[in-house]
N, C-alpha and C. Protein backbone atom coordinates (compact mmCIF):
# COMPACT_ATOMS: atom_id res chain seq x y z
N MET A 1 142.67 21.41 -40.67
CA MET A 1 141.58 20.57 -40.18
C MET A 1 140.37 21.46 -39.97
N ASP A 2 139.28 21.17 -40.67
CA ASP A 2 138.10 22.00 -40.46
C ASP A 2 136.96 21.26 -39.80
N LYS A 3 137.12 19.98 -39.53
CA LYS A 3 136.09 19.23 -38.80
C LYS A 3 136.75 18.23 -37.88
N ILE A 4 136.10 17.95 -36.78
CA ILE A 4 136.54 16.88 -35.90
C ILE A 4 135.40 15.88 -35.82
N LYS A 5 135.69 14.64 -36.12
CA LYS A 5 134.69 13.58 -35.97
C LYS A 5 135.09 12.75 -34.76
N ILE A 6 134.12 12.37 -33.98
CA ILE A 6 134.41 11.60 -32.77
C ILE A 6 133.55 10.34 -32.77
N TRP A 7 134.20 9.20 -32.58
CA TRP A 7 133.49 7.94 -32.43
C TRP A 7 133.58 7.52 -30.97
N ILE A 8 132.47 7.20 -30.38
CA ILE A 8 132.44 6.70 -29.01
C ILE A 8 131.90 5.28 -29.07
N THR A 9 132.62 4.33 -28.52
CA THR A 9 132.18 2.95 -28.49
C THR A 9 131.66 2.62 -27.10
N MET A 10 130.60 1.84 -27.05
CA MET A 10 130.05 1.44 -25.76
C MET A 10 130.08 -0.08 -25.68
N ASP A 11 130.10 -0.58 -24.45
CA ASP A 11 130.06 -2.02 -24.29
C ASP A 11 128.63 -2.53 -24.43
N GLU A 12 128.43 -3.82 -24.23
CA GLU A 12 127.11 -4.42 -24.44
C GLU A 12 126.05 -3.88 -23.50
N ASN A 13 126.44 -3.29 -22.38
CA ASN A 13 125.49 -2.70 -21.44
C ASN A 13 125.28 -1.22 -21.69
N GLN A 14 125.77 -0.72 -22.82
CA GLN A 14 125.65 0.69 -23.18
C GLN A 14 126.37 1.61 -22.19
N MET A 15 127.45 1.11 -21.60
CA MET A 15 128.25 1.92 -20.68
C MET A 15 129.51 2.37 -21.41
N LEU A 16 129.84 3.63 -21.26
CA LEU A 16 131.09 4.13 -21.81
C LEU A 16 132.24 3.47 -21.07
N THR A 17 133.23 3.00 -21.81
CA THR A 17 134.32 2.27 -21.18
C THR A 17 135.65 2.97 -21.42
N ASP A 18 136.73 2.35 -21.00
CA ASP A 18 138.05 2.97 -21.11
C ASP A 18 138.31 3.39 -22.56
N TYR A 19 139.01 4.49 -22.72
CA TYR A 19 139.15 5.05 -24.05
C TYR A 19 140.58 5.48 -24.32
N SER A 20 140.88 5.68 -25.59
CA SER A 20 142.13 6.32 -25.97
C SER A 20 141.82 7.26 -27.14
N LEU A 21 142.57 8.34 -27.24
CA LEU A 21 142.40 9.30 -28.33
C LEU A 21 143.49 9.06 -29.36
N THR A 22 143.11 9.02 -30.62
CA THR A 22 144.08 8.85 -31.69
C THR A 22 143.90 10.00 -32.68
N ALA A 23 144.94 10.74 -32.94
CA ALA A 23 144.87 11.83 -33.91
C ALA A 23 144.98 11.25 -35.31
N LYS A 24 143.99 11.52 -36.14
CA LYS A 24 144.01 11.10 -37.54
C LYS A 24 144.27 12.33 -38.40
N GLU A 25 144.29 12.14 -39.71
CA GLU A 25 144.61 13.27 -40.58
C GLU A 25 143.61 14.41 -40.43
N ASN A 26 142.32 14.09 -40.35
CA ASN A 26 141.34 15.16 -40.25
C ASN A 26 140.27 14.92 -39.19
N TYR A 27 140.57 14.07 -38.23
CA TYR A 27 139.64 13.86 -37.11
C TYR A 27 140.38 13.21 -35.96
N ILE A 28 139.69 13.17 -34.82
CA ILE A 28 140.23 12.50 -33.64
C ILE A 28 139.35 11.29 -33.38
N GLU A 29 139.96 10.13 -33.23
CA GLU A 29 139.21 8.91 -32.97
C GLU A 29 139.34 8.55 -31.50
N ILE A 30 138.22 8.25 -30.87
CA ILE A 30 138.22 7.79 -29.49
C ILE A 30 137.90 6.30 -29.51
N GLU A 31 138.83 5.49 -29.05
CA GLU A 31 138.62 4.04 -29.01
C GLU A 31 138.40 3.61 -27.57
N VAL A 32 137.38 2.81 -27.36
CA VAL A 32 137.04 2.34 -26.02
C VAL A 32 137.46 0.89 -25.91
N THR A 33 138.21 0.55 -24.85
CA THR A 33 138.82 -0.77 -24.80
C THR A 33 138.50 -1.62 -23.60
N GLU A 34 137.94 -1.06 -22.53
CA GLU A 34 137.66 -1.92 -21.38
C GLU A 34 136.50 -1.37 -20.57
N GLU A 35 135.94 -2.21 -19.72
CA GLU A 35 134.79 -1.81 -18.92
C GLU A 35 135.22 -0.86 -17.81
N PRO A 36 134.29 -0.06 -17.30
CA PRO A 36 134.64 0.84 -16.20
C PRO A 36 135.11 0.06 -14.98
N ARG A 37 136.09 0.58 -14.29
CA ARG A 37 136.59 -0.08 -13.08
C ARG A 37 135.75 0.29 -11.86
N ASP A 38 135.34 1.54 -11.79
CA ASP A 38 134.55 1.98 -10.65
C ASP A 38 133.85 3.28 -11.01
N TYR A 39 133.11 3.84 -10.04
CA TYR A 39 132.36 5.06 -10.31
C TYR A 39 133.21 6.32 -10.29
N LEU A 40 134.44 6.24 -9.86
CA LEU A 40 135.28 7.43 -9.77
C LEU A 40 136.40 7.40 -10.80
N ASN A 41 136.10 6.89 -11.99
CA ASN A 41 137.18 6.76 -12.96
C ASN A 41 137.29 7.96 -13.90
N TRP A 42 136.41 8.95 -13.76
CA TRP A 42 136.53 10.19 -14.53
C TRP A 42 136.59 11.34 -13.55
N GLY A 43 137.38 12.32 -13.81
CA GLY A 43 137.38 13.49 -12.95
C GLY A 43 138.12 14.65 -13.60
N LEU A 44 137.92 15.81 -13.03
CA LEU A 44 138.60 17.00 -13.51
C LEU A 44 139.55 17.48 -12.43
N ARG A 45 140.79 17.67 -12.78
CA ARG A 45 141.77 18.19 -11.83
C ARG A 45 142.46 19.38 -12.48
N LYS A 46 142.34 20.53 -11.83
CA LYS A 46 142.97 21.76 -12.32
C LYS A 46 142.63 22.01 -13.79
N GLY A 47 141.36 21.81 -14.14
CA GLY A 47 140.89 22.10 -15.49
C GLY A 47 141.24 21.07 -16.53
N GLU A 48 141.78 19.92 -16.13
CA GLU A 48 142.14 18.89 -17.10
C GLU A 48 141.39 17.61 -16.81
N LEU A 49 140.99 16.93 -17.87
CA LEU A 49 140.29 15.66 -17.72
C LEU A 49 141.28 14.58 -17.28
N ILE A 50 140.97 13.90 -16.19
CA ILE A 50 141.83 12.85 -15.66
C ILE A 50 141.04 11.54 -15.68
N HIS A 51 141.64 10.48 -16.19
CA HIS A 51 140.98 9.18 -16.23
C HIS A 51 141.73 8.24 -15.31
N TYR A 52 141.01 7.58 -14.41
CA TYR A 52 141.59 6.70 -13.40
C TYR A 52 142.69 7.41 -12.61
N PRO A 53 142.35 8.50 -11.91
CA PRO A 53 143.39 9.21 -11.17
C PRO A 53 143.99 8.34 -10.07
N ASP A 54 145.26 8.57 -9.78
CA ASP A 54 145.95 7.82 -8.72
C ASP A 54 145.39 8.14 -7.35
N ASP A 55 144.97 9.38 -7.17
CA ASP A 55 144.35 9.76 -5.90
C ASP A 55 143.16 10.65 -6.20
N LEU A 56 142.35 10.89 -5.22
CA LEU A 56 141.13 11.65 -5.44
C LEU A 56 141.23 13.08 -4.91
N ASN A 57 142.41 13.51 -4.51
CA ASN A 57 142.58 14.87 -4.01
C ASN A 57 142.41 15.88 -5.13
N ASP A 58 141.76 17.00 -4.81
CA ASP A 58 141.59 18.12 -5.73
C ASP A 58 140.70 17.81 -6.92
N LEU A 59 139.96 16.73 -6.89
CA LEU A 59 139.01 16.49 -7.97
C LEU A 59 137.79 17.36 -7.74
N THR A 60 137.23 17.88 -8.83
CA THR A 60 136.03 18.70 -8.66
C THR A 60 134.81 17.82 -8.45
N ASN A 61 134.85 16.59 -8.92
CA ASN A 61 133.71 15.71 -8.65
C ASN A 61 133.84 15.13 -7.24
N GLN A 62 132.73 14.86 -6.62
CA GLN A 62 132.70 14.35 -5.26
C GLN A 62 132.49 12.84 -5.28
N SER A 63 132.70 12.20 -4.15
CA SER A 63 132.54 10.75 -4.08
C SER A 63 131.09 10.34 -4.32
N GLU A 64 130.14 11.29 -4.15
CA GLU A 64 128.73 10.97 -4.39
C GLU A 64 128.39 10.98 -5.88
N THR A 65 129.30 11.44 -6.71
CA THR A 65 129.04 11.53 -8.14
C THR A 65 129.12 10.14 -8.76
N SER A 66 128.07 9.75 -9.47
CA SER A 66 128.03 8.42 -10.08
C SER A 66 128.90 8.37 -11.33
N PHE A 67 129.08 7.17 -11.85
CA PHE A 67 129.80 7.01 -13.12
C PHE A 67 129.10 7.82 -14.21
N GLU A 68 127.78 7.75 -14.23
CA GLU A 68 127.02 8.49 -15.25
C GLU A 68 127.23 9.99 -15.09
N GLY A 69 127.20 10.48 -13.85
CA GLY A 69 127.45 11.89 -13.61
C GLY A 69 128.83 12.32 -14.02
N ASN A 70 129.82 11.50 -13.72
CA ASN A 70 131.20 11.81 -14.12
C ASN A 70 131.37 11.78 -15.63
N THR A 71 130.65 10.87 -16.29
CA THR A 71 130.70 10.81 -17.75
C THR A 71 130.12 12.09 -18.35
N LEU A 72 128.99 12.56 -17.80
CA LEU A 72 128.42 13.82 -18.28
C LEU A 72 129.41 14.97 -18.08
N LEU A 73 130.08 15.00 -16.93
CA LEU A 73 131.08 16.05 -16.69
C LEU A 73 132.20 15.98 -17.72
N ALA A 74 132.64 14.77 -18.03
CA ALA A 74 133.72 14.61 -19.00
C ALA A 74 133.29 15.10 -20.37
N PHE A 75 132.08 14.73 -20.80
CA PHE A 75 131.60 15.19 -22.10
C PHE A 75 131.39 16.70 -22.12
N ALA A 76 130.88 17.26 -21.02
CA ALA A 76 130.70 18.72 -20.96
C ALA A 76 132.05 19.42 -21.10
N TYR A 77 133.06 18.88 -20.43
CA TYR A 77 134.41 19.44 -20.51
C TYR A 77 134.94 19.38 -21.95
N LEU A 78 134.80 18.23 -22.59
CA LEU A 78 135.27 18.09 -23.97
C LEU A 78 134.51 19.01 -24.91
N SER A 79 133.19 19.09 -24.75
CA SER A 79 132.37 19.96 -25.59
C SER A 79 132.82 21.41 -25.44
N HIS A 80 133.05 21.82 -24.20
CA HIS A 80 133.49 23.20 -23.93
C HIS A 80 134.85 23.46 -24.58
N LYS A 81 135.77 22.54 -24.44
CA LYS A 81 137.11 22.72 -25.00
C LYS A 81 137.07 22.75 -26.53
N PHE A 82 136.30 21.84 -27.15
CA PHE A 82 136.22 21.83 -28.61
C PHE A 82 135.58 23.11 -29.13
N SER A 83 134.59 23.64 -28.41
CA SER A 83 133.92 24.85 -28.88
C SER A 83 134.83 26.08 -28.81
N ASN A 84 135.92 26.00 -28.06
CA ASN A 84 136.84 27.12 -27.93
C ASN A 84 138.06 27.03 -28.84
N ILE A 85 138.08 26.06 -29.75
CA ILE A 85 139.17 25.96 -30.72
C ILE A 85 138.81 26.85 -31.90
N SER A 86 139.54 27.93 -32.07
CA SER A 86 139.14 28.98 -33.02
C SER A 86 139.21 28.56 -34.48
N ASN A 87 140.09 27.66 -34.86
CA ASN A 87 140.22 27.32 -36.27
C ASN A 87 139.28 26.20 -36.72
N LEU A 88 138.40 25.75 -35.84
CA LEU A 88 137.40 24.77 -36.25
C LEU A 88 136.20 25.51 -36.81
N THR A 89 135.76 25.11 -37.99
CA THR A 89 134.62 25.80 -38.59
C THR A 89 133.29 25.24 -38.11
N GLU A 90 133.29 23.99 -37.67
CA GLU A 90 132.04 23.39 -37.21
C GLU A 90 132.35 22.40 -36.10
N VAL A 91 131.66 22.54 -34.99
CA VAL A 91 131.80 21.59 -33.89
C VAL A 91 130.40 21.10 -33.56
N ASN A 92 130.18 19.83 -33.75
CA ASN A 92 128.88 19.25 -33.44
C ASN A 92 129.05 18.31 -32.26
N PHE A 93 129.26 18.89 -31.12
CA PHE A 93 129.51 18.12 -29.90
C PHE A 93 128.67 18.73 -28.80
N ASP A 94 127.37 18.75 -29.01
CA ASP A 94 126.43 19.46 -28.16
C ASP A 94 125.83 18.52 -27.12
N TYR A 95 126.64 18.13 -26.15
CA TYR A 95 126.19 17.17 -25.14
C TYR A 95 127.01 17.39 -23.88
N PRO A 96 126.46 17.25 -22.71
CA PRO A 96 125.06 16.93 -22.41
C PRO A 96 124.18 18.18 -22.44
N LYS A 97 122.88 17.94 -22.50
CA LYS A 97 121.90 19.02 -22.51
C LYS A 97 121.13 19.02 -21.20
N TYR A 98 120.30 20.04 -21.04
CA TYR A 98 119.54 20.23 -19.80
C TYR A 98 118.82 18.96 -19.34
N PRO A 99 118.04 18.27 -20.22
CA PRO A 99 117.32 17.07 -19.74
C PRO A 99 118.26 15.97 -19.22
N ASP A 100 119.42 15.81 -19.86
CA ASP A 100 120.38 14.79 -19.42
C ASP A 100 120.90 15.13 -18.02
N ILE A 101 121.25 16.38 -17.82
CA ILE A 101 121.79 16.82 -16.53
C ILE A 101 120.73 16.70 -15.45
N LEU A 102 119.50 17.13 -15.76
CA LEU A 102 118.40 17.05 -14.80
C LEU A 102 118.14 15.61 -14.37
N THR A 103 118.10 14.70 -15.33
CA THR A 103 117.82 13.29 -15.02
C THR A 103 118.89 12.70 -14.10
N VAL A 104 120.15 12.93 -14.41
CA VAL A 104 121.22 12.37 -13.59
C VAL A 104 121.20 13.00 -12.20
N TYR A 105 120.96 14.31 -12.11
CA TYR A 105 120.89 14.98 -10.81
C TYR A 105 119.75 14.42 -9.98
N GLU A 106 118.58 14.25 -10.60
CA GLU A 106 117.42 13.73 -9.87
C GLU A 106 117.64 12.30 -9.40
N ASN A 107 118.46 11.55 -10.11
CA ASN A 107 118.80 10.18 -9.69
C ASN A 107 119.97 10.17 -8.71
N GLN A 108 120.31 11.32 -8.18
CA GLN A 108 121.38 11.50 -7.19
C GLN A 108 122.74 11.07 -7.72
N GLY A 109 122.96 11.30 -9.02
CA GLY A 109 124.23 10.96 -9.63
C GLY A 109 125.17 12.14 -9.77
N MET A 110 124.69 13.34 -9.40
CA MET A 110 125.52 14.54 -9.48
C MET A 110 125.28 15.41 -8.26
N THR A 111 126.31 16.11 -7.84
CA THR A 111 126.19 17.05 -6.72
C THR A 111 125.91 18.45 -7.27
N ASN A 112 125.59 19.38 -6.38
CA ASN A 112 125.40 20.77 -6.80
C ASN A 112 126.67 21.33 -7.42
N LEU A 113 127.82 20.93 -6.89
CA LEU A 113 129.09 21.39 -7.45
C LEU A 113 129.27 20.89 -8.89
N ASP A 114 128.84 19.65 -9.15
CA ASP A 114 128.89 19.12 -10.51
C ASP A 114 128.03 19.95 -11.45
N VAL A 115 126.82 20.29 -10.99
CA VAL A 115 125.89 21.07 -11.82
C VAL A 115 126.46 22.47 -12.04
N LYS A 116 127.14 23.02 -11.04
CA LYS A 116 127.80 24.32 -11.20
C LYS A 116 128.84 24.25 -12.32
N LYS A 117 129.57 23.13 -12.39
CA LYS A 117 130.54 22.95 -13.48
C LYS A 117 129.85 22.99 -14.84
N MET A 118 128.62 22.48 -14.92
CA MET A 118 127.88 22.51 -16.18
C MET A 118 127.59 23.95 -16.61
N VAL A 119 127.38 24.84 -15.66
CA VAL A 119 127.20 26.26 -15.98
C VAL A 119 128.52 26.82 -16.51
N GLU A 120 129.62 26.50 -15.83
CA GLU A 120 130.94 26.98 -16.26
C GLU A 120 131.29 26.49 -17.66
N TYR A 121 130.86 25.27 -18.00
CA TYR A 121 131.15 24.70 -19.32
C TYR A 121 130.08 25.07 -20.34
N GLN A 122 129.18 25.99 -19.97
CA GLN A 122 128.16 26.53 -20.86
C GLN A 122 127.22 25.46 -21.40
N ARG A 123 126.93 24.46 -20.58
CA ARG A 123 125.96 23.44 -20.97
C ARG A 123 124.56 23.83 -20.51
N ILE A 124 124.46 24.59 -19.41
CA ILE A 124 123.19 25.11 -18.92
C ILE A 124 123.40 26.54 -18.43
N SER A 125 122.28 27.27 -18.26
CA SER A 125 122.36 28.65 -17.78
C SER A 125 122.30 28.68 -16.25
N LYS A 126 122.55 29.86 -15.68
CA LYS A 126 122.43 30.03 -14.23
C LYS A 126 121.00 29.75 -13.78
N GLN A 127 120.03 30.21 -14.59
CA GLN A 127 118.62 29.97 -14.26
C GLN A 127 118.31 28.47 -14.27
N GLU A 128 118.85 27.75 -15.24
CA GLU A 128 118.63 26.30 -15.29
C GLU A 128 119.29 25.61 -14.11
N TYR A 129 120.45 26.12 -13.68
CA TYR A 129 121.09 25.58 -12.48
C TYR A 129 120.13 25.67 -11.29
N GLU A 130 119.52 26.84 -11.13
CA GLU A 130 118.60 27.05 -10.01
C GLU A 130 117.37 26.17 -10.13
N GLU A 131 116.89 25.94 -11.37
CA GLU A 131 115.75 25.04 -11.57
C GLU A 131 116.11 23.61 -11.18
N ILE A 132 117.29 23.17 -11.55
CA ILE A 132 117.71 21.80 -11.27
C ILE A 132 117.96 21.58 -9.78
N THR A 133 118.73 22.47 -9.17
CA THR A 133 119.16 22.25 -7.78
C THR A 133 118.20 22.83 -6.74
N GLY A 134 117.39 23.80 -7.14
CA GLY A 134 116.49 24.45 -6.19
C GLY A 134 117.19 25.45 -5.29
N THR A 135 118.43 25.81 -5.63
CA THR A 135 119.19 26.78 -4.83
C THR A 135 119.80 27.82 -5.76
N PRO A 136 120.01 29.05 -5.25
CA PRO A 136 120.72 30.05 -6.06
C PRO A 136 122.15 29.57 -6.33
N LEU A 137 122.71 30.00 -7.43
CA LEU A 137 124.04 29.53 -7.84
C LEU A 137 125.09 29.82 -6.78
N GLU A 138 125.04 30.95 -6.11
CA GLU A 138 126.06 31.30 -5.12
C GLU A 138 126.05 30.33 -3.94
N GLU A 139 124.90 29.71 -3.67
CA GLU A 139 124.79 28.79 -2.53
C GLU A 139 124.95 27.33 -2.96
N GLY A 140 125.26 27.08 -4.21
CA GLY A 140 125.20 25.73 -4.74
C GLY A 140 126.39 24.84 -4.47
N GLU A 141 127.35 25.27 -3.69
CA GLU A 141 128.54 24.43 -3.51
C GLU A 141 128.39 23.50 -2.35
């Protein structure tokens, strides 16, 4: 497999909805099948993407994180993981970017801890973290 193609389906309100991953011969298909249940339906637990977790313990996202913020975290996580697969010759999964993160943060959809995760997933730099949050990275939790 030298390329991964990803299809994301959105509902009529342009909201990302419930999804499933299907391995195909030379790509992974993401099928979206239902509307979001609530704002806490995406999260990261121990470095793994969790959808509709049974409990909210140990999630890196906070209760203040909006659905949009959690979606950005999920895409950042996937982008980071795909970019670290050594046998892929091309990965075109460059999302989210600085303007997307800044907009969601300014709309109070992400916490400083969420933005710190974006640095860890190499979506923004430490300097961009400080520009977005107004605090040094060490104090951003």
